[in-house]
Amino acid sequence: MSSKIFPIIAVCLIQLTLGQKAYAEQKSAPPAMQAPKAANLDKTGLLILIRSTLLALDHANKTGNYTTFRDLGSPNFSVANDPSRLSEIFSSLRRDRLDLSGASVMEPTIIKQQIVGNGMLDIAGFFPSASQQLNFEILYEPINGQWRLYGISANTGPTAPSAPTPPQQEQTQGQKK
């Protein structure tokens, strides 16, 4: 059986948060707390965060062991997600054999990089590909001077829409006769 690399056929959607209640509380926070501000991180720092997170997820998916992935997250992430829960959440990625190792060499397109009202770093973007692209959004919590994983959403989908191929000239002319 061959391993699927980011172009894959099936669409996977994975989202981790501290739970719906915590997510709802965060979304309903007063507007003053919600105002995002630009994150002043250099490109190398962003790449390290994104790549290390996606590679840790890739290793967990390949081994079926989510203990280290959980432990790399913030304390809030670790408390909310035991390894068996993470295994269940990411079961579709394992079943589809999504290989995230391409994140180690591919250049992501960052579409959002901001500090949200609660001091967390929110990064979103995608790794472009010919037929499918890996879309991601990762939320990091500042813990002791380091950004630690708080939540992650990853899915694959088609690349940007393209214009349809025009009909062949001979066929159009032939139909007019």
Protein backbone atom coordinates (compact mmCIF):
# COMPACT_ATOMS: atom_id res chain seq x y z
CA MET A 1 0.00 0.00 0.00
CA SER A 2 1.40 3.35 -0.97
CA SER A 3 1.50 6.35 1.27
CA LYS A 4 -0.45 9.40 0.12
CA ILE A 5 1.42 12.69 0.09
CA PHE A 6 -0.31 15.99 -0.01
CA PRO A 7 -2.13 15.63 -2.96
CA ILE A 8 -4.70 13.26 -1.59
CA ILE A 9 -8.17 12.55 -2.85
CA ALA A 10 -10.19 12.56 0.35
CA VAL A 11 -10.85 15.73 2.28
CA CYS A 12 -9.90 15.59 5.95
CA LEU A 13 -10.92 18.15 8.52
CA ILE A 14 -9.43 18.06 11.95
CA GLN A 15 -9.93 20.67 14.62
CA LEU A 16 -8.72 20.63 18.18
CA THR A 17 -9.75 23.12 20.81
CA LEU A 18 -10.16 23.00 24.53
CA GLY A 19 -13.74 22.02 23.93
CA GLN A 20 -16.80 23.74 22.64
CA LYS A 21 -17.42 25.62 25.87
CA ALA A 22 -13.95 27.18 25.98
CA TYR A 23 -14.13 27.93 22.26
CA ALA A 24 -17.56 29.56 22.67
CA GLU A 25 -16.31 31.64 25.61
CA GLN A 26 -13.35 32.79 23.55
CA LYS A 27 -15.61 33.73 20.60
CA SER A 28 -18.03 35.63 22.83
CA ALA A 29 -15.34 37.67 24.58
CA PRO A 30 -15.81 41.45 24.52
CA PRO A 31 -14.64 43.13 21.29
CA ALA A 32 -11.79 44.88 23.12
CA MET A 33 -10.29 41.49 24.01
CA GLN A 34 -10.90 40.13 20.50
CA ALA A 35 -9.02 42.82 18.54
CA PRO A 36 -6.19 40.97 16.80
CA LYS A 37 -2.85 42.60 16.25
CA ALA A 38 -0.12 41.68 13.84
CA ALA A 39 2.37 39.17 15.18
CA ASN A 40 5.90 40.43 14.77
CA LEU A 41 7.64 37.14 14.06
CA ASP A 42 10.21 36.61 11.39
CA LYS A 43 9.61 34.16 8.57
CA THR A 44 12.08 31.62 9.94
CA GLY A 45 10.37 31.57 13.33
CA LEU A 46 6.97 31.02 11.73
CA LEU A 47 8.29 28.22 9.54
CA ILE A 48 9.81 26.48 12.55
CA LEU A 49 6.53 26.65 14.47
CA ILE A 50 4.40 25.43 11.57
CA ARG A 51 6.75 22.71 10.40
CA SER A 52 7.54 21.34 13.84
CA THR A 53 3.84 21.14 14.70
CA LEU A 54 2.84 19.43 11.45
CA LEU A 55 5.79 17.02 11.63
CA ALA A 56 4.95 16.12 15.24
CA LEU A 57 1.40 15.39 14.10
CA ASP A 58 2.76 13.36 11.18
CA HIS A 59 4.93 11.26 13.52
CA ALA A 60 2.00 10.70 15.88
CA ASN A 61 -0.19 9.62 12.98
CA LYS A 62 2.45 7.23 11.63
CA THR A 63 3.16 5.60 14.98
CA GLY A 64 -0.35 5.82 16.46
CA ASN A 65 1.27 7.23 19.61
CA TYR A 66 0.01 10.72 20.48
CA THR A 67 1.69 11.06 23.87
CA THR A 68 4.59 13.22 22.66
CA PHE A 69 2.31 15.29 20.42
CA ARG A 70 0.10 16.00 23.43
CA ASP A 71 3.09 16.77 25.65
CA LEU A 72 4.45 19.29 23.13
CA GLY A 73 1.26 21.31 23.52
CA SER A 74 0.44 23.86 26.17
CA PRO A 75 -0.72 22.61 29.58
CA ASN A 76 -4.30 23.53 28.58
CA PHE A 77 -3.97 21.45 25.40
CA SER A 78 -2.50 18.50 27.33
CA VAL A 79 -5.24 18.51 29.96
CA ALA A 80 -8.01 18.66 27.35
CA ASN A 81 -6.53 16.00 25.05
CA ASP A 82 -5.36 12.63 26.32
CA PRO A 83 -3.55 10.40 23.78
CA SER A 84 -6.59 8.20 23.17
CA ARG A 85 -8.74 11.24 22.37
CA LEU A 86 -6.10 12.55 19.96
CA SER A 87 -5.92 9.12 18.33
CA GLU A 88 -9.67 9.21 17.79
CA ILE A 89 -9.61 12.79 16.46
CA PHE A 90 -6.87 12.02 13.94
CA SER A 91 -8.14 8.56 12.93
CA SER A 92 -9.24 9.80 9.49
CA LEU A 93 -5.75 11.14 8.76
CA ARG A 94 -4.28 7.75 9.66
CA ARG A 95 -6.91 5.89 7.66
CA ASP A 96 -6.24 8.08 4.60
CA ARG A 97 -2.48 7.79 5.16
CA LEU A 98 -2.00 11.52 4.84
CA ASP A 99 1.74 12.13 4.76
CA LEU A 100 2.53 15.53 6.27
CA SER A 101 6.29 15.17 5.84
CA GLY A 102 6.17 17.43 2.77
CA ALA A 103 5.74 20.30 5.23
CA SER A 104 9.44 19.93 6.07
CA VAL A 105 10.53 21.13 2.62
CA MET A 106 7.55 22.86 1.04
CA GLU A 107 7.00 26.59 1.48
CA PRO A 108 3.63 27.44 3.03
CA THR A 109 1.61 30.48 2.04
CA ILE A 110 0.71 32.34 5.23
CA ILE A 111 -2.66 34.09 5.03
CA LYS A 112 -3.02 35.05 8.70
CA GLN A 113 -0.46 35.78 11.37
CA GLN A 114 -1.81 37.66 14.36
CA ILE A 115 -1.94 37.87 18.11
CA VAL A 116 -5.54 37.47 19.21
CA GLY A 117 -7.00 39.29 22.21
CA ASN A 118 -6.08 36.60 24.70
CA GLY A 119 -2.37 36.80 23.75
CA MET A 120 -2.37 33.68 21.59
CA LEU A 121 -0.66 33.46 18.22
CA ASP A 122 -3.03 32.51 15.40
CA ILE A 123 -1.37 31.34 12.16
CA ALA A 124 -3.30 30.17 9.11
CA GLY A 125 -2.19 29.26 5.63
CA PHE A 126 -1.74 26.45 3.18
CA PHE A 127 0.82 24.33 1.40
CA PRO A 128 -0.04 24.61 -2.31
CA SER A 129 -0.02 21.56 -4.52
CA ALA A 130 -1.03 20.63 -8.05
CA SER A 131 -4.35 18.96 -7.28
CA GLN A 132 -4.88 19.32 -3.51
CA GLN A 133 -3.50 21.66 -0.92
CA LEU A 134 -3.05 21.29 2.81
CA ASN A 135 -4.86 24.07 4.66
CA PHE A 136 -4.02 24.72 8.29
CA GLU A 137 -4.76 26.99 11.18
CA ILE A 138 -2.72 26.63 14.34
CA LEU A 139 -3.23 28.45 17.62
CA TYR A 140 -0.28 28.78 20.00
CA GLU A 141 -0.37 29.79 23.64
CA PRO A 142 2.58 31.66 25.20
CA ILE A 143 4.06 29.50 28.00
CA ASN A 144 7.30 30.52 29.74
CA GLY A 145 8.56 32.48 26.75
CA GLN A 146 7.69 29.77 24.18
CA TRP A 147 4.78 29.29 21.81
CA ARG A 148 3.08 25.99 22.66
CA LEU A 149 0.30 24.30 20.70
CA TYR A 150 -3.20 25.17 21.90
CA GLY A 151 -5.29 24.11 18.90
CA ILE A 152 -4.91 22.91 15.33
CA SER A 153 -7.13 22.62 12.29
CA ALA A 154 -5.85 20.87 9.16
CA ASN A 155 -7.66 19.81 6.03
CA THR A 156 -7.01 19.16 2.39
CA GLY A 157 -8.93 20.66 -0.45
CA PRO A 158 -8.67 21.59 -4.08
CA THR A 159 -6.34 24.32 -5.14
CA ALA A 160 -7.77 27.65 -6.24
CA PRO A 161 -10.50 27.36 -8.87
CA SER A 162 -9.42 27.60 -12.47
CA ALA A 163 -11.24 28.69 -15.60
CA PRO A 164 -12.82 25.94 -17.68
CA THR A 165 -10.96 24.74 -20.75
CA PRO A 166 -12.41 26.39 -23.89
CA PRO A 167 -13.95 24.02 -26.44
CA GLN A 168 -11.76 22.99 -29.33
CA GLN A 169 -12.01 25.29 -32.35
CA GLU A 170 -12.71 22.49 -34.88
CA GLN A 171 -15.67 21.16 -32.91
CA THR A 172 -17.28 24.61 -32.69
CA GLN A 173 -16.82 25.27 -36.40
CA GLY A 174 -18.08 21.82 -37.33
CA GLN A 175 -21.33 22.33 -35.42
CA LYS A 176 -22.13 25.59 -37.26
CA LYS A 177 -22.38 23.91 -40.70
